[in-house]
Protein backbone atom coordinates (compact mmCIF):
# COMPACT_ATOMS: atom_id res chain seq x y z
CA MET A 1 -22.00 -8.00 -4.64
CA SER A 2 -20.80 -4.39 -4.53
CA ILE A 3 -19.04 -2.61 -7.36
CA PHE A 4 -15.75 -3.69 -5.80
CA GLY A 5 -16.76 -7.31 -5.31
CA ALA A 6 -16.69 -7.90 -9.04
CA GLN A 7 -12.97 -7.05 -9.00
CA LEU A 8 -12.02 -9.66 -6.37
CA SER A 9 -9.97 -12.68 -7.38
CA GLN A 10 -11.96 -15.90 -7.78
CA GLU A 11 -10.34 -17.35 -4.63
CA ASP A 12 -11.37 -14.31 -2.59
CA LYS A 13 -14.90 -14.24 -4.05
CA SER A 14 -15.47 -17.78 -2.83
CA GLY A 15 -15.01 -16.59 0.76
CA THR A 16 -17.61 -13.82 0.65
CA SER A 17 -21.08 -14.06 2.14
CA SER A 18 -24.34 -13.75 0.23
CA ALA A 19 -26.35 -12.85 3.36
CA SER A 20 -28.02 -9.45 3.49
CA ILE A 21 -26.48 -6.76 5.68
CA SER A 22 -29.62 -6.46 7.83
CA GLU A 23 -29.68 -10.24 8.34
CA MET A 24 -26.01 -10.23 9.38
CA MET A 25 -26.53 -7.32 11.77
CA GLY A 26 -29.52 -9.03 13.38
CA ASP A 27 -27.57 -12.27 13.75
CA PHE A 28 -24.64 -10.34 15.21
CA MET A 29 -26.80 -8.65 17.85
CA ASN A 30 -28.52 -11.94 18.76
CA THR A 31 -25.17 -13.70 19.08
CA LEU A 32 -23.81 -10.86 21.21
CA GLU A 33 -26.85 -11.02 23.51
CA ASN A 34 -26.67 -14.81 23.81
CA THR A 35 -22.90 -14.84 24.38
CA THR A 36 -22.71 -12.01 26.90
CA LYS A 37 -26.10 -12.63 28.54
CA LEU A 38 -26.48 -8.85 28.59
CA PRO A 39 -29.62 -6.95 27.59
CA ARG A 40 -29.32 -4.70 24.53
CA SER A 41 -29.26 -1.64 26.79
CA ARG A 42 -25.97 -2.85 28.32
CA ILE A 43 -24.54 -4.06 25.03
CA LYS A 44 -24.39 -0.39 24.00
CA ASN A 45 -21.36 -0.05 26.30
CA ILE A 46 -19.34 -2.76 24.56
CA PRO A 47 -16.71 -1.19 22.28
CA LEU A 48 -17.18 -2.23 18.66
CA ALA A 49 -14.41 -2.44 16.05
CA VAL A 50 -15.94 -2.51 12.57
CA VAL A 51 -13.42 -4.09 10.22
CA ILE A 52 -13.53 -3.81 6.44
CA SER A 53 -11.23 -6.49 5.10
CA LYS A 54 -9.66 -7.15 1.69
CA ARG A 55 -8.43 -3.59 1.38
CA ASP A 56 -5.55 -4.92 -0.72
CA GLU A 57 -8.05 -6.03 -3.40
CA ALA A 58 -10.17 -4.20 -5.98
CA ASP A 59 -8.48 -0.80 -5.54
CA LEU A 60 -9.89 -0.49 -2.02
CA ASP A 61 -6.54 0.81 -0.73
CA LEU A 62 -7.14 3.92 -2.84
CA PHE A 63 -10.38 4.62 -0.96
CA ILE A 64 -9.97 3.26 2.58
CA GLY A 65 -6.37 2.03 2.91
CA ASP A 66 -3.01 3.62 3.64
CA ALA A 67 -2.90 5.40 0.27
CA ALA A 68 -6.25 7.07 0.97
CA VAL A 69 -5.29 7.93 4.55
CA LYS A 70 -2.03 9.59 3.45
CA ARG A 71 -3.74 11.48 0.62
CA THR A 72 -6.54 12.72 2.89
CA MET A 73 -4.17 13.78 5.68
CA SER A 74 -2.01 15.61 3.14
CA ASN A 75 -4.97 17.37 1.50
CA HIS A 76 -6.75 18.29 4.78
CA PRO A 77 -4.13 18.52 7.58
CA ASP A 78 -6.33 20.94 9.56
CA ILE A 79 -9.00 18.23 10.00
CA PHE A 80 -7.10 14.95 9.71
CA ALA A 81 -3.96 14.74 11.86
CA ASP A 82 -4.24 11.11 13.03
CA GLU A 83 -4.07 8.13 10.69
CA PHE A 84 -6.63 6.02 12.56
CA ASP A 85 -9.11 8.89 12.90
CA THR A 86 -8.71 9.46 9.17
CA MET A 87 -9.19 5.75 8.43
CA ASP A 88 -12.38 5.75 10.52
CA TYR A 89 -13.71 8.73 8.55
CA LEU A 90 -12.82 7.16 5.19
CA CYS A 91 -14.44 3.83 6.08
CA ARG A 92 -17.66 5.51 7.20
CA GLU A 93 -17.74 7.67 4.08
CA PHE A 94 -17.04 4.63 1.90
CA LEU A 95 -19.92 2.68 3.46
CA ALA A 96 -22.26 5.63 2.99
CA LYS A 97 -21.29 5.99 -0.67
CA THR A 98 -21.73 2.27 -1.34
CA ASP A 99 -25.31 2.30 -0.05
CA MET A 100 -24.50 0.81 3.34
CA ASN A 101 -25.94 3.59 5.48
CA ASP A 102 -27.90 0.89 7.31
CA VAL A 103 -24.61 -0.42 8.73
CA LEU A 104 -23.65 3.07 9.92
CA GLU A 105 -27.08 3.61 11.44
CA HIS A 106 -27.04 0.20 13.15
CA VAL A 107 -23.67 0.96 14.74
CA LYS A 108 -24.78 4.43 15.78
CA GLN A 109 -27.99 3.13 17.39
CA ASN A 110 -26.50 0.12 19.14
CA PHE A 111 -22.98 1.10 20.27
CA LYS A 112 -21.66 4.15 22.12
CA ASN A 113 -18.03 3.52 21.21
CA ALA A 114 -17.22 2.28 17.72
CA ARG A 115 -14.26 2.66 15.42
CA PHE A 116 -13.93 1.63 11.79
CA PHE A 117 -10.79 0.02 10.38
CA SER A 118 -9.65 -1.21 6.98
CA ILE A 119 -7.35 -4.21 7.00
CA SER A 120 -5.81 -6.93 4.94
CA ALA A 121 -5.39 -10.07 6.97
CA ILE A 122 -2.83 -11.58 4.58
CA GLY A 123 -1.82 -8.64 2.37
CA HIS A 124 -2.74 -10.17 -0.98
CA SER A 125 -5.13 -12.54 -2.73
CA LEU A 126 -5.50 -16.02 -1.32
CA ASN A 127 -2.46 -18.20 -2.16
CA GLY A 128 -0.58 -15.07 -3.27
CA GLY A 129 2.64 -15.65 -1.35
CA GLN A 130 4.06 -14.62 1.99
CA TYR A 131 1.62 -13.16 4.51
CA ILE A 132 1.98 -9.41 4.98
CA PRO A 133 -0.93 -8.37 7.25
CA GLN A 134 -1.95 -4.71 7.17
CA ASN A 135 -3.53 -2.93 10.17
CA VAL A 136 -4.57 -6.09 12.01
CA VAL A 137 -2.65 -5.24 15.20
CA PRO A 138 -4.20 -1.75 15.60
CA VAL A 139 -7.68 -3.32 15.68
CA ILE A 140 -6.64 -5.60 18.54
CA ASP A 141 -4.86 -2.73 20.30
CA TRP A 142 -8.01 -0.58 20.10
CA ILE A 143 -10.08 -3.38 21.60
CA TYR A 144 -7.57 -3.75 24.45
CA LYS A 145 -7.55 0.02 24.97
CA ASN A 146 -11.31 0.06 25.35
CA SER A 147 -11.86 -3.13 27.32
CA ASP A 148 -8.77 -4.12 29.30
CA ALA A 149 -6.43 -1.30 30.35
CA LYS A 150 -4.03 -3.65 32.13
CA LEU A 151 -3.58 -5.88 29.08
CA GLU A 152 -3.28 -2.80 26.89
CA SER A 153 -0.42 -1.49 29.04
CA LEU A 154 1.41 -4.80 28.60
CA VAL A 155 1.00 -5.50 24.89
CA SER A 156 -0.45 -2.55 22.97
CA THR A 157 1.79 -0.73 20.49
CA THR A 158 -0.69 1.56 18.72
CA VAL A 159 -1.46 5.09 19.88
CA PHE A 160 -4.94 6.47 19.23
CA SER A 161 -5.92 10.15 19.39
CA GLY A 162 -8.69 9.74 21.93
CA LYS A 163 -11.12 11.75 19.78
CA ILE A 164 -14.74 10.74 19.83
CA MET A 165 -15.72 9.11 16.55
CA PRO A 166 -17.07 9.88 14.08
CA ILE A 167 -15.24 13.01 12.99
CA GLU A 168 -17.86 15.46 11.78
CA SER A 169 -16.89 16.99 8.44
CA SER A 170 -18.53 17.69 5.12
CA ILE A 171 -15.34 16.96 3.19
CA GLU A 172 -15.86 14.29 0.53
CA THR A 173 -12.75 12.21 0.04
CA VAL A 174 -14.20 9.21 -1.77
CA ASP A 175 -15.09 9.60 -5.44
CA LEU A 176 -16.23 6.15 -6.50
CA ASP A 177 -17.09 7.36 -9.98
CA ASP A 178 -13.53 8.23 -10.96
CA VAL A 179 -11.16 5.42 -9.93
CA GLU A 180 -8.56 6.54 -12.52
CA ALA A 181 -8.36 10.04 -11.00
CA VAL A 182 -7.96 8.52 -7.55
CA ARG A 183 -5.20 6.20 -8.83
CA ASN A 184 -3.37 9.21 -10.24
CA SER A 185 -3.69 11.32 -7.08
CA THR A 186 -1.24 9.45 -4.86
CA VAL A 187 0.81 11.36 -2.32
């Protein structure tokens, strides 16, 4: 389990997978091929939303959630003007810094159009009270935008910049070694 997994509540830990990332990616591609009946060459055209969940746990909001997005946009307004572009950048950087470059490479090799999101499906630990989902709707809106324009025009509420992801920048926004400094650097 990652450095953040150790900070999850016991209820949330019980819902995590012990499968390896490469095993999950292989299973995902096989399922996608079997479900769509498309060859891998055509699967490249399917838009992919990569969702990092549990951002409300283990200080993840400070690195890939709304707090991180606001801080990054405030510190680098010349590069980051859109919250969802910024979130995509932060999620990719977070995966790279937590030794998950294989996920980034898999997405890059297998999908032409991918966007990364951080969400909280319920807004707190399991059994923690009223549901307060965070960023779930934008994921669905992005999928509509990229797969069904008619449905998007009827139900979508999120506006995306239209920039091609990933944003290329050498700015490092994630310092996993100093969580206290990140906690103290809120906007």
